[in-house]
Amino acid sequence: MSKRRGTLAAMLSDQGFGNHKDCQRLVRNGSVELGREEGGALVWSVAEDPDAQIAPEGLHLKIGAFQLPWREKLYLAFHKPAGTECSHTPSHHQSVFSFFPEPFLKRKLEAVGRLDADTTGLLFLTDSGVFNHFLTSPRKHVPKTYRVGTKHAISPEQIAKLTEGVDLRGEDGKTLPATVALLDEKSCDLTVEEGKYHQVKRMFAAAGNRVESIHRVAIGAIKLEDALASGQWRWLNETELSALGFKEP
């Protein structure tokens, strides 16, 4: 990650804690604590000067009950529950953004692509337009793996169609070849390198089956681990960003 130095108030504002004057007031009121690791533990001190020059690397911030490490950009992995929408203004369900702290939303956190309301699994969120474009650009072909449950048994003929590419109504040409790993007669892991509208459901429909459930288990080399329970999020680290082929400009 890139690192920069600036005043404490400016840094707090960048982290989503309000405008510059709001952040100056937070510091002067004694509401901000700064933490740095010493001997394997975080040592906290109350900030006093909003105009103090602060080196952000390794810095942790505590404002009231809210605590987080400083990050110039947000790169987050989220286990999306069923019945949630990837929208700031949802129509019928709870927004995925309701699972994140308010300062993240003030930093204009966005979902990287979208999952349907009934689709669960791995979702990335970020405030970096560069990262969002990198993963959603049709030219990148970032593989995404979905665990798919179907209404009917998945036949060898259907697998052959999916792996060769199928014609989708309203689309020009076939989908890119997919990878299918059969789990049992009515479920498989499907890996695709595109992000067309309702693609997984439409691909199975074109192959002669019907999707009953979709759970995204991986994006590129990043897998949805069991430790990340439904509705929980975590930071993506630099190793994982590199594994995706992404480097912060």
C-alpha atoms as a PDB file:
ATOM      1  CA  MET A   1       0.000   0.000   0.000  1.00  0.00           C
ATOM      2  CA  SER A   2       1.165   3.533  -0.614  1.00  0.00           C
ATOM      3  CA  LYS A   3       1.935   5.572   2.508  1.00  0.00           C
ATOM      4  CA  ARG A   4       1.694   9.285   3.016  1.00  0.00           C
ATOM      5  CA  ARG A   5       2.090  11.797   5.826  1.00  0.00           C
ATOM      6  CA  GLY A   6      -0.430  14.481   6.701  1.00  0.00           C
ATOM      7  CA  THR A   7      -2.152  16.286   9.534  1.00  0.00           C
ATOM      8  CA  LEU A   8      -4.195  14.191  11.933  1.00  0.00           C
ATOM      9  CA  ALA A   9      -7.422  16.054  11.135  1.00  0.00           C
ATOM     10  CA  ALA A  10      -6.939  15.540   7.393  1.00  0.00           C
ATOM     11  CA  MET A  11      -6.209  11.881   7.955  1.00  0.00           C
ATOM     12  CA  LEU A  12      -9.332  11.396  10.053  1.00  0.00           C
ATOM     13  CA  SER A  13     -11.399  13.119   7.372  1.00  0.00           C
ATOM     14  CA  ASP A  14      -9.943  10.828   4.714  1.00  0.00           C
ATOM     15  CA  GLN A  15     -10.903   7.860   6.904  1.00  0.00           C
ATOM     16  CA  GLY A  16     -14.553   8.931   6.893  1.00  0.00           C
ATOM     17  CA  PHE A  17     -14.937  10.634  10.270  1.00  0.00           C
ATOM     18  CA  GLY A  18     -16.393  13.863   8.931  1.00  0.00           C
ATOM     19  CA  ASN A  19     -15.196  17.062   7.330  1.00  0.00           C
ATOM     20  CA  HIS A  20     -11.980  18.764   8.377  1.00  0.00           C
ATOM     21  CA  LYS A  21     -13.605  20.938  11.048  1.00  0.00           C
ATOM     22  CA  ASP A  22     -15.518  17.961  12.486  1.00  0.00           C
ATOM     23  CA  CYS A  23     -12.271  16.038  12.808  1.00  0.00           C
ATOM     24  CA  GLN A  24     -10.448  18.963  14.399  1.00  0.00           C
ATOM     25  CA  ARG A  25     -13.261  19.116  16.953  1.00  0.00           C
ATOM     26  CA  LEU A  26     -13.017  15.377  17.663  1.00  0.00           C
ATOM     27  CA  VAL A  27      -9.332  15.704  18.469  1.00  0.00           C
ATOM     28  CA  ARG A  28      -9.720  18.813  20.614  1.00  0.00           C
ATOM     29  CA  ASN A  29     -12.507  17.119  22.578  1.00  0.00           C
ATOM     30  CA  GLY A  30     -10.177  14.245  23.433  1.00  0.00           C
ATOM     31  CA  SER A  31     -12.261  11.758  21.440  1.00  0.00           C
ATOM     32  CA  VAL A  32      -9.417  10.372  19.317  1.00  0.00           C
ATOM     33  CA  GLU A  33      -6.841   7.814  20.416  1.00  0.00           C
ATOM     34  CA  LEU A  34      -3.868   6.684  18.354  1.00  0.00           C
ATOM     35  CA  GLY A  35      -2.490   3.185  18.658  1.00  0.00           C
ATOM     36  CA  ARG A  36       0.833   1.714  17.602  1.00  0.00           C
ATOM     37  CA  GLU A  37       2.215  -1.739  18.173  1.00  0.00           C
ATOM     38  CA  GLU A  38       4.888  -2.083  20.835  1.00  0.00           C
ATOM     39  CA  GLY A  39       6.128  -5.472  21.989  1.00  0.00           C
ATOM     40  CA  GLY A  40       3.298  -7.296  20.207  1.00  0.00           C
ATOM     41  CA  ALA A  41       0.522  -5.177  21.739  1.00  0.00           C
ATOM     42  CA  LEU A  42      -1.232  -1.962  20.747  1.00  0.00           C
ATOM     43  CA  VAL A  43      -0.289   0.991  22.938  1.00  0.00           C
ATOM     44  CA  TRP A  44      -2.833   3.828  22.878  1.00  0.00           C
ATOM     45  CA  SER A  45      -2.439   7.547  23.511  1.00  0.00           C
ATOM     46  CA  VAL A  46      -5.013  10.340  23.398  1.00  0.00           C
ATOM     47  CA  ALA A  47      -4.419  12.699  20.458  1.00  0.00           C
ATOM     48  CA  GLU A  48      -4.213  16.378  21.361  1.00  0.00           C
ATOM     49  CA  ASP A  49      -3.181  18.324  18.262  1.00  0.00           C
ATOM     50  CA  PRO A  50      -5.387  18.074  15.145  1.00  0.00           C
ATOM     51  CA  ASP A  51      -2.637  19.704  13.074  1.00  0.00           C
ATOM     52  CA  ALA A  52       0.100  17.286  14.145  1.00  0.00           C
ATOM     53  CA  GLN A  53       1.908  15.596  11.248  1.00  0.00           C
ATOM     54  CA  ILE A  54       1.211  11.869  11.433  1.00  0.00           C
ATOM     55  CA  ALA A  55       2.930   8.952   9.711  1.00  0.00           C
ATOM     56  CA  PRO A  56       0.051   6.581   8.901  1.00  0.00           C
ATOM     57  CA  GLU A  57       1.921   3.290   8.490  1.00  0.00           C
ATOM     58  CA  GLY A  58       1.077   0.909  11.322  1.00  0.00           C
ATOM     59  CA  LEU A  59      -1.349   3.401  12.856  1.00  0.00           C
ATOM     60  CA  HIS A  60      -4.628   2.383  14.530  1.00  0.00           C
ATOM     61  CA  LEU A  61      -7.439   4.804  15.267  1.00  0.00           C
ATOM     62  CA  LYS A  62     -10.003   4.715  18.053  1.00  0.00           C
ATOM     63  CA  ILE A  63     -12.945   7.125  18.141  1.00  0.00           C
ATOM     64  CA  GLY A  64     -15.405   6.215  20.870  1.00  0.00           C
ATOM     65  CA  ALA A  65     -16.236   2.530  20.504  1.00  0.00           C
ATOM     66  CA  PHE A  66     -15.036   2.472  16.898  1.00  0.00           C
ATOM     67  CA  GLN A  67     -11.546   1.115  16.243  1.00  0.00           C
ATOM     68  CA  LEU A  68      -9.757   0.353  12.973  1.00  0.00           C
ATOM     69  CA  PRO A  69      -6.321   0.275  11.392  1.00  0.00           C
ATOM     70  CA  TRP A  70      -5.479   3.136   9.047  1.00  0.00           C
ATOM     71  CA  ARG A  71      -5.983   2.166   5.403  1.00  0.00           C
ATOM     72  CA  GLU A  72      -5.502   4.512   2.469  1.00  0.00           C
ATOM     73  CA  LYS A  73      -8.001   2.409   0.502  1.00  0.00           C
ATOM     74  CA  LEU A  74     -10.635  -0.086   1.558  1.00  0.00           C
ATOM     75  CA  TYR A  75     -10.249  -3.593   0.140  1.00  0.00           C
ATOM     76  CA  LEU A  76     -12.769  -5.833   1.855  1.00  0.00           C
ATOM     77  CA  ALA A  77     -14.032  -9.409   1.556  1.00  0.00           C
ATOM     78  CA  PHE A  78     -17.619  -9.993   2.701  1.00  0.00           C
ATOM     79  CA  HIS A  79     -19.723 -13.118   3.144  1.00  0.00           C
ATOM     80  CA  LYS A  80     -23.004 -11.950   1.643  1.00  0.00           C
ATOM     81  CA  PRO A  81     -26.116 -13.419   3.272  1.00  0.00           C
ATOM     82  CA  ALA A  82     -29.269 -14.347   1.393  1.00  0.00           C
ATOM     83  CA  GLY A  83     -31.952 -11.694   1.181  1.00  0.00           C
ATOM     84  CA  THR A  84     -29.589  -8.744   0.805  1.00  0.00           C
ATOM     85  CA  GLU A  85     -29.130  -6.289  -2.047  1.00  0.00           C
ATOM     86  CA  CYS A  86     -25.873  -4.815  -3.373  1.00  0.00           C
ATOM     87  CA  SER A  87     -27.366  -1.331  -3.404  1.00  0.00           C
ATOM     88  CA  HIS A  88     -27.240   1.752  -1.201  1.00  0.00           C
ATOM     89  CA  THR A  89     -30.976   2.175  -1.894  1.00  0.00           C
ATOM     90  CA  PRO A  90     -32.406  -1.363  -1.787  1.00  0.00           C
ATOM     91  CA  SER A  91     -35.888  -2.035  -3.142  1.00  0.00           C
ATOM     92  CA  HIS A  92     -37.095  -5.056  -1.186  1.00  0.00           C
ATOM     93  CA  HIS A  93     -34.304  -6.356   1.066  1.00  0.00           C
ATOM     94  CA  GLN A  94     -31.625  -5.249   3.507  1.00  0.00           C
ATOM     95  CA  SER A  95     -28.614  -3.525   1.944  1.00  0.00           C
ATOM     96  CA  VAL A  96     -25.223  -5.216   2.187  1.00  0.00           C
ATOM     97  CA  PHE A  97     -23.880  -1.807   3.205  1.00  0.00           C
ATOM     98  CA  SER A  98     -25.805  -2.012   6.483  1.00  0.00           C
ATOM     99  CA  PHE A  99     -23.162  -4.506   7.661  1.00  0.00           C
ATOM    100  CA  PHE A 100     -20.368  -1.909   7.480  1.00  0.00           C
ATOM    101  CA  PRO A 101     -19.429   0.987   9.788  1.00  0.00           C
ATOM    102  CA  GLU A 102     -20.587   4.480   8.925  1.00  0.00           C
ATOM    103  CA  PRO A 103     -17.080   5.853   8.226  1.00  0.00           C
ATOM    104  CA  PHE A 104     -16.681   3.261   5.449  1.00  0.00           C
ATOM    105  CA  LEU A 105     -19.898   4.459   3.834  1.00  0.00           C
ATOM    106  CA  LYS A 106     -18.724   8.071   4.000  1.00  0.00           C
ATOM    107  CA  ARG A 107     -15.682   6.945   2.030  1.00  0.00           C
ATOM    108  CA  LYS A 108     -18.081   5.891  -0.757  1.00  0.00           C
ATOM    109  CA  LEU A 109     -17.719   2.149  -0.290  1.00  0.00           C
ATOM    110  CA  GLU A 110     -19.055   0.236  -3.313  1.00  0.00           C
ATOM    111  CA  ALA A 111     -19.620  -3.422  -4.160  1.00  0.00           C
ATOM    112  CA  VAL A 112     -17.312  -4.873  -6.800  1.00  0.00           C
ATOM    113  CA  GLY A 113     -19.929  -6.210  -9.178  1.00  0.00           C
ATOM    114  CA  ARG A 114     -23.256  -7.437  -7.870  1.00  0.00           C
ATOM    115  CA  LEU A 115     -24.815 -10.609  -6.532  1.00  0.00           C
ATOM    116  CA  ASP A 116     -28.573 -11.191  -6.734  1.00  0.00           C
ATOM    117  CA  ALA A 117     -30.577 -10.837  -3.528  1.00  0.00           C
ATOM    118  CA  ASP A 118     -30.914 -14.620  -3.170  1.00  0.00           C
ATOM    119  CA  THR A 119     -27.262 -15.325  -4.055  1.00  0.00           C
ATOM    120  CA  THR A 120     -24.846 -15.794  -1.157  1.00  0.00           C
ATOM    121  CA  GLY A 121     -21.082 -15.937  -0.809  1.00  0.00           C
ATOM    122  CA  LEU A 122     -17.952 -13.958  -1.500  1.00  0.00           C
ATOM    123  CA  LEU A 123     -18.303 -10.285  -2.395  1.00  0.00           C
ATOM    124  CA  PHE A 124     -15.552  -7.685  -2.563  1.00  0.00           C
ATOM    125  CA  LEU A 125     -16.188  -4.068  -1.571  1.00  0.00           C
ATOM    126  CA  THR A 126     -13.909  -1.080  -2.043  1.00  0.00           C
ATOM    127  CA  ASP A 127     -13.641   2.693  -2.233  1.00  0.00           C
ATOM    128  CA  SER A 128     -11.051   2.341  -5.013  1.00  0.00           C
ATOM    129  CA  GLY A 129     -12.439   2.901  -8.498  1.00  0.00           C
ATOM    130  CA  VAL A 130      -9.223   1.458  -9.910  1.00  0.00           C
ATOM    131  CA  PHE A 131      -9.696  -1.831  -8.014  1.00  0.00           C
ATOM    132  CA  ASN A 132     -13.372  -1.995  -8.936  1.00  0.00           C
ATOM    133  CA  HIS A 133     -12.640  -1.490 -12.624  1.00  0.00           C
ATOM    134  CA  PHE A 134      -9.760  -3.954 -12.537  1.00  0.00           C
ATOM    135  CA  LEU A 135     -12.005  -6.775 -11.341  1.00  0.00           C
ATOM    136  CA  THR A 136     -15.106  -5.952 -13.371  1.00  0.00           C
ATOM    137  CA  SER A 137     -13.545  -5.057 -16.720  1.00  0.00           C
ATOM    138  CA  PRO A 138     -14.626  -7.609 -19.368  1.00  0.00           C
ATOM    139  CA  ARG A 139     -11.050  -7.667 -20.657  1.00  0.00           C
ATOM    140  CA  LYS A 140      -9.600  -9.009 -17.400  1.00  0.00           C
ATOM    141  CA  HIS A 141     -11.373 -12.408 -17.347  1.00  0.00           C
ATOM    142  CA  VAL A 142     -11.089 -12.767 -13.557  1.00  0.00           C
ATOM    143  CA  PRO A 143     -12.435 -16.266 -12.751  1.00  0.00           C
ATOM    144  CA  LYS A 144     -15.318 -16.561 -10.297  1.00  0.00           C
ATOM    145  CA  THR A 145     -16.472 -19.883  -8.863  1.00  0.00           C
ATOM    146  CA  TYR A 146     -20.074 -20.538  -7.865  1.00  0.00           C
ATOM    147  CA  ARG A 147     -21.514 -23.520  -5.993  1.00  0.00           C
ATOM    148  CA  VAL A 148     -24.718 -24.176  -7.881  1.00  0.00           C
ATOM    149  CA  GLY A 149     -27.686 -26.275  -6.809  1.00  0.00           C
ATOM    150  CA  THR A 150     -30.073 -27.321  -9.582  1.00  0.00           C
ATOM    151  CA  LYS A 151     -33.649 -28.571  -9.813  1.00  0.00           C
ATOM    152  CA  HIS A 152     -32.760 -31.496 -12.071  1.00  0.00           C
ATOM    153  CA  ALA A 153     -29.796 -33.823 -12.217  1.00  0.00           C
ATOM    154  CA  ILE A 154     -26.856 -32.346 -14.117  1.00  0.00           C
ATOM    155  CA  SER A 155     -26.277 -34.532 -17.143  1.00  0.00           C
ATOM    156  CA  PRO A 156     -23.029 -35.097 -19.049  1.00  0.00           C
ATOM    157  CA  GLU A 157     -24.665 -33.335 -21.999  1.00  0.00           C
ATOM    158  CA  GLN A 158     -25.352 -30.245 -19.875  1.00  0.00           C
ATOM    159  CA  ILE A 159     -21.771 -30.223 -18.593  1.00  0.00           C
ATOM    160  CA  ALA A 160     -20.520 -30.418 -22.177  1.00  0.00           C
ATOM    161  CA  LYS A 161     -22.662 -27.430 -23.166  1.00  0.00           C
ATOM    162  CA  LEU A 162     -21.463 -25.347 -20.222  1.00  0.00           C
ATOM    163  CA  THR A 163     -17.807 -26.133 -20.836  1.00  0.00           C
ATOM    164  CA  GLU A 164     -18.109 -25.340 -24.548  1.00  0.00           C
ATOM    165  CA  GLY A 165     -20.101 -22.122 -24.041  1.00  0.00           C
ATOM    166  CA  VAL A 166     -23.816 -21.539 -24.505  1.00  0.00           C
ATOM    167  CA  ASP A 167     -25.919 -18.996 -26.368  1.00  0.00           C
ATOM    168  CA  LEU A 168     -27.751 -16.584 -24.060  1.00  0.00           C
ATOM    169  CA  ARG A 169     -30.875 -14.823 -25.228  1.00  0.00           C
ATOM    170  CA  GLY A 170     -30.133 -11.231 -26.174  1.00  0.00           C
ATOM    171  CA  GLU A 171     -26.351 -11.783 -26.247  1.00  0.00           C
ATOM    172  CA  ASP A 172     -24.066 -11.975 -29.275  1.00  0.00           C
ATOM    173  CA  GLY A 173     -22.076 -15.190 -29.456  1.00  0.00           C
ATOM    174  CA  LYS A 174     -21.568 -17.916 -26.904  1.00  0.00           C
ATOM    175  CA  THR A 175     -20.387 -17.473 -23.361  1.00  0.00           C
ATOM    176  CA  LEU A 176     -16.743 -18.179 -22.713  1.00  0.00           C
ATOM    177  CA  PRO A 177     -16.036 -21.823 -21.849  1.00  0.00           C
ATOM    178  CA  ALA A 178     -16.746 -22.593 -18.181  1.00  0.00           C
ATOM    179  CA  THR A 179     -15.224 -25.148 -15.851  1.00  0.00           C
ATOM    180  CA  VAL A 180     -17.611 -27.568 -14.156  1.00  0.00           C
ATOM    181  CA  ALA A 181     -16.720 -29.708 -11.130  1.00  0.00           C
ATOM    182  CA  LEU A 182     -19.640 -32.027 -10.333  1.00  0.00           C
ATOM    183  CA  LEU A 183     -20.262 -32.425  -6.574  1.00  0.00           C
ATOM    184  CA  ASP A 184     -23.342 -34.653  -6.716  1.00  0.00           C
ATOM    185  CA  GLU A 185     -26.122 -35.192  -9.194  1.00  0.00           C
ATOM    186  CA  LYS A 186     -27.753 -31.826  -8.496  1.00  0.00           C
ATOM    187  CA  SER A 187     -24.839 -29.594  -7.537  1.00  0.00           C
ATOM    188  CA  CYS A 188     -21.528 -28.460  -8.994  1.00  0.00           C
ATOM    189  CA  ASP A 189     -18.875 -25.783  -8.809  1.00  0.00           C
ATOM    190  CA  LEU A 190     -19.072 -23.607 -11.915  1.00  0.00           C
ATOM    191  CA  THR A 191     -16.166 -21.299 -12.775  1.00  0.00           C
ATOM    192  CA  VAL A 192     -16.772 -18.507 -15.288  1.00  0.00           C
ATOM    193  CA  GLU A 193     -14.658 -15.590 -16.488  1.00  0.00           C
ATOM    194  CA  GLU A 194     -17.455 -13.198 -17.367  1.00  0.00           C
ATOM    195  CA  GLY A 195     -19.993 -11.168 -15.435  1.00  0.00           C
ATOM    196  CA  LYS A 196     -23.112 -11.066 -17.576  1.00  0.00           C
ATOM    197  CA  TYR A 197     -26.519 -10.295 -16.081  1.00  0.00           C
ATOM    198  CA  HIS A 198     -27.876 -13.362 -14.214  1.00  0.00           C
ATOM    199  CA  GLN A 199     -25.229 -15.333 -16.076  1.00  0.00           C
ATOM    200  CA  VAL A 200     -25.178 -18.519 -13.999  1.00  0.00           C
ATOM    201  CA  LYS A 201     -28.968 -18.903 -14.044  1.00  0.00           C
ATOM    202  CA  ARG A 202     -29.125 -18.158 -17.761  1.00  0.00           C
ATOM    203  CA  MET A 203     -26.299 -20.549 -18.596  1.00  0.00           C
ATOM    204  CA  PHE A 204     -28.002 -23.462 -16.839  1.00  0.00           C
ATOM    205  CA  ALA A 205     -31.332 -22.560 -18.426  1.00  0.00           C
ATOM    206  CA  ALA A 206     -29.649 -22.576 -21.848  1.00  0.00           C
ATOM    207  CA  ALA A 207     -28.136 -25.969 -21.045  1.00  0.00           C
ATOM    208  CA  GLY A 208     -31.546 -27.387 -20.104  1.00  0.00           C
ATOM    209  CA  ASN A 209     -31.679 -27.135 -16.307  1.00  0.00           C
ATOM    210  CA  ARG A 210     -32.872 -24.753 -13.600  1.00  0.00           C
ATOM    211  CA  VAL A 211     -30.856 -23.160 -10.805  1.00  0.00           C
ATOM    212  CA  GLU A 212     -32.188 -23.471  -7.272  1.00  0.00           C
ATOM    213  CA  SER A 213     -29.302 -21.908  -5.334  1.00  0.00           C
ATOM    214  CA  ILE A 214     -26.059 -20.006  -6.003  1.00  0.00           C
ATOM    215  CA  HIS A 215     -23.203 -19.485  -3.549  1.00  0.00           C
ATOM    216  CA  ARG A 216     -19.983 -17.783  -4.712  1.00  0.00           C
ATOM    217  CA  VAL A 217     -17.024 -19.581  -3.189  1.00  0.00           C
ATOM    218  CA  ALA A 218     -14.075 -17.860  -4.893  1.00  0.00           C
ATOM    219  CA  ILE A 219     -12.945 -14.834  -6.885  1.00  0.00           C
ATOM    220  CA  GLY A 220      -9.650 -15.511  -8.594  1.00  0.00           C
ATOM    221  CA  ALA A 221      -7.303 -17.088  -6.044  1.00  0.00           C
ATOM    222  CA  ILE A 222      -9.304 -15.750  -3.068  1.00  0.00           C
ATOM    223  CA  LYS A 223     -11.616 -18.323  -1.483  1.00  0.00           C
ATOM    224  CA  LEU A 224     -14.473 -17.794   0.933  1.00  0.00           C
ATOM    225  CA  GLU A 225     -13.039 -19.489   3.995  1.00  0.00           C
ATOM    226  CA  ASP A 226     -15.248 -21.162   6.611  1.00  0.00           C
ATOM    227  CA  ALA A 227     -14.019 -18.720   9.279  1.00  0.00           C
ATOM    228  CA  LEU A 228     -15.838 -15.841   7.582  1.00  0.00           C
ATOM    229  CA  ALA A 229     -19.418 -16.384   8.723  1.00  0.00           C
ATOM    230  CA  SER A 230     -22.427 -15.081   6.847  1.00  0.00           C
ATOM    231  CA  GLY A 231     -22.694 -11.310   7.331  1.00  0.00           C
ATOM    232  CA  GLN A 232     -19.049 -10.901   8.358  1.00  0.00           C
ATOM    233  CA  TRP A 233     -16.295  -8.971   6.548  1.00  0.00           C
ATOM    234  CA  ARG A 234     -12.508  -8.799   6.706  1.00  0.00           C
ATOM    235  CA  TRP A 235      -9.626  -6.876   5.124  1.00  0.00           C
ATOM    236  CA  LEU A 236      -7.923  -8.172   1.992  1.00  0.00           C
ATOM    237  CA  ASN A 237      -4.174  -8.130   2.547  1.00  0.00           C
ATOM    238  CA  GLU A 238      -1.412  -7.191   0.122  1.00  0.00           C
ATOM    239  CA  THR A 239      -0.603 -10.844  -0.643  1.00  0.00           C
ATOM    240  CA  GLU A 240      -4.216 -11.449  -1.667  1.00  0.00           C
ATOM    241  CA  LEU A 241      -4.324  -8.317  -3.810  1.00  0.00           C
ATOM    242  CA  SER A 242      -1.156  -9.513  -5.554  1.00  0.00           C
ATOM    243  CA  ALA A 243      -2.719 -12.959  -6.049  1.00  0.00           C
ATOM    244  CA  LEU A 244      -5.569 -11.206  -7.892  1.00  0.00           C
ATOM    245  CA  GLY A 245      -2.985  -9.513 -10.105  1.00  0.00           C
ATOM    246  CA  PHE A 246      -3.778  -6.085  -8.679  1.00  0.00           C
ATOM    247  CA  LYS A 247      -1.246  -3.475  -7.643  1.00  0.00           C
ATOM    248  CA  GLU A 248      -2.247  -0.117  -6.231  1.00  0.00           C
ATOM    249  CA  PRO A 249      -1.151   2.633  -8.675  1.00  0.00           C
END
